[in-house]
Amino acid sequence: MGRLRWQVDRVNRRGPSIGLVMSYVTENTVLQASGYFRPWLVQPFLDLYGPRFHIGSIRGVNVIYALTEQRTLNAAVTVQTLLDVFSVSGIVHYGAAGSCNDSVSFQDVSDPKLVA
């Protein structure tokens, strides 16, 4: 655990990051293909409690992202790990909003009134 703690501390010394959480492999593929995400050469990823946390930046902003698959429990564990382990200033769910109602259209951005 000592080496892992050292690696996490090294990531956190970069300063706070935005956490991105994705549900589908295709979302990860699109982000990687876009060229916007730049992996941190010193420590491009960490494997913690199952998910791989990719460490880098988008347009100069520190980013840590993980793929949760489609399970709600995986998303909850991934978000909790981001909050507990890394210096994160915010979380963005990147992907489909399958539980939204018919008033939400493709490419809409939703801002929930409540977050649990």
Protein backbone atom coordinates (compact mmCIF):
# COMPACT_ATOMS: atom_id res chain seq x y z
CA MET A 1 0.00 0.00 0.00
CA GLY A 2 2.97 2.34 0.54
CA ARG A 3 3.81 2.63 -3.16
CA LEU A 4 0.17 3.20 -4.09
CA ARG A 5 -0.17 5.94 -1.43
CA TRP A 6 2.98 7.57 -2.81
CA GLN A 7 1.53 7.48 -6.36
CA VAL A 8 -1.78 9.02 -5.21
CA ASP A 9 0.08 11.74 -3.31
CA ARG A 10 2.12 12.52 -6.42
CA VAL A 11 -1.08 12.88 -8.48
CA ASN A 12 -2.67 15.14 -5.85
CA ARG A 13 0.39 17.42 -5.71
CA ARG A 14 -0.53 18.56 -9.25
CA GLY A 15 -3.49 20.36 -7.70
CA PRO A 16 -7.22 19.70 -7.85
CA SER A 17 -8.70 17.88 -10.83
CA ILE A 18 -12.08 17.62 -12.47
CA GLY A 19 -13.41 14.06 -12.17
CA LEU A 20 -15.04 12.61 -15.27
CA VAL A 21 -17.20 9.53 -14.91
CA MET A 22 -18.25 7.57 -18.01
CA SER A 23 -20.54 4.56 -18.40
CA TYR A 24 -19.71 3.20 -21.85
CA VAL A 25 -16.48 2.14 -23.55
CA THR A 26 -17.50 4.18 -26.62
CA GLU A 27 -17.41 7.37 -24.52
CA ASN A 28 -13.83 6.57 -23.53
CA THR A 29 -12.96 5.84 -27.17
CA VAL A 30 -14.40 9.17 -28.33
CA LEU A 31 -12.53 11.11 -25.63
CA GLN A 32 -9.24 9.40 -26.53
CA ALA A 33 -9.80 9.92 -30.28
CA SER A 34 -10.65 13.61 -29.83
CA GLY A 35 -7.06 14.47 -28.93
CA TYR A 36 -8.26 16.79 -26.15
CA PHE A 37 -7.25 14.48 -23.30
CA ARG A 38 -3.52 14.58 -22.69
CA PRO A 39 -2.27 11.81 -20.37
CA TRP A 40 0.10 12.90 -17.62
CA LEU A 41 3.43 11.39 -18.68
CA VAL A 42 4.64 10.97 -15.09
CA GLN A 43 1.64 8.82 -14.01
CA PRO A 44 -0.90 8.26 -16.84
CA PHE A 45 -3.21 6.04 -14.78
CA LEU A 46 -3.82 4.31 -11.44
CA ASP A 47 -5.82 1.14 -10.86
CA LEU A 48 -7.81 1.46 -7.62
CA TYR A 49 -10.54 -0.85 -6.33
CA GLY A 50 -11.37 -2.11 -9.82
CA PRO A 51 -11.62 0.92 -12.12
CA ARG A 52 -8.66 2.46 -13.89
CA PHE A 53 -8.34 6.18 -13.18
CA HIS A 54 -6.80 7.99 -16.16
CA ILE A 55 -4.77 11.03 -15.14
CA GLY A 56 -4.11 13.94 -17.45
CA SER A 57 -5.50 17.23 -18.66
CA ILE A 58 -7.94 18.75 -21.11
CA ARG A 59 -6.93 22.17 -22.39
CA GLY A 60 -4.64 22.71 -19.41
CA VAL A 61 -7.20 21.68 -16.77
CA ASN A 62 -6.28 18.69 -14.60
CA VAL A 63 -8.62 15.77 -15.23
CA ILE A 64 -9.00 12.30 -13.75
CA TYR A 65 -11.49 10.05 -15.50
CA ALA A 66 -12.79 6.53 -15.05
CA LEU A 67 -15.10 4.15 -16.84
CA THR A 68 -17.83 2.73 -14.58
CA GLU A 69 -19.66 0.48 -17.02
CA GLN A 70 -23.45 0.53 -16.77
CA ARG A 71 -23.93 -0.54 -13.17
CA THR A 72 -25.17 2.00 -10.64
CA LEU A 73 -23.07 0.42 -7.88
CA ASN A 74 -19.90 0.78 -9.99
CA ALA A 75 -20.69 4.45 -10.60
CA ALA A 76 -21.23 5.04 -6.88
CA VAL A 77 -17.96 3.31 -5.92
CA THR A 78 -16.04 5.18 -8.64
CA VAL A 79 -17.37 8.59 -7.62
CA GLN A 80 -16.75 7.84 -3.93
CA THR A 81 -13.18 6.78 -4.74
CA LEU A 82 -12.60 9.97 -6.73
CA LEU A 83 -13.81 12.03 -3.76
CA ASP A 84 -11.99 10.04 -1.06
CA VAL A 85 -8.63 9.46 -2.74
CA PHE A 86 -7.99 12.30 -5.16
CA SER A 87 -8.04 16.08 -4.86
CA VAL A 88 -11.17 16.71 -6.94
CA SER A 89 -12.89 20.06 -7.36
CA GLY A 90 -15.93 18.67 -9.18
CA ILE A 91 -17.44 15.61 -10.86
CA VAL A 92 -18.90 15.51 -14.37
CA HIS A 93 -20.90 12.53 -15.62
CA TYR A 94 -19.97 12.23 -19.26
CA GLY A 95 -22.47 10.23 -21.27
CA ALA A 96 -26.04 9.21 -21.82
CA ALA A 97 -28.90 10.36 -19.62
CA GLY A 98 -31.03 7.28 -20.07
CA SER A 99 -33.25 7.98 -17.08
CA CYS A 100 -34.35 11.43 -18.25
CA ASN A 101 -37.87 12.09 -19.46
CA ASP A 102 -39.06 12.94 -22.99
CA SER A 103 -38.45 16.68 -22.51
CA VAL A 104 -34.67 16.08 -22.78
CA SER A 105 -33.33 15.84 -26.33
CA PHE A 106 -30.06 14.57 -27.77
CA GLN A 107 -27.15 16.93 -26.91
CA ASP A 108 -29.11 18.70 -24.16
CA VAL A 109 -27.24 19.43 -20.96
CA SER A 110 -29.15 18.79 -17.77
CA ASP A 111 -28.45 20.34 -14.39
CA PRO A 112 -30.19 18.45 -11.58
CA LYS A 113 -31.89 20.37 -8.78
CA LEU A 114 -30.81 17.76 -6.23
CA VAL A 115 -27.83 15.46 -5.99
CA ALA A 116 -27.63 12.51 -3.61
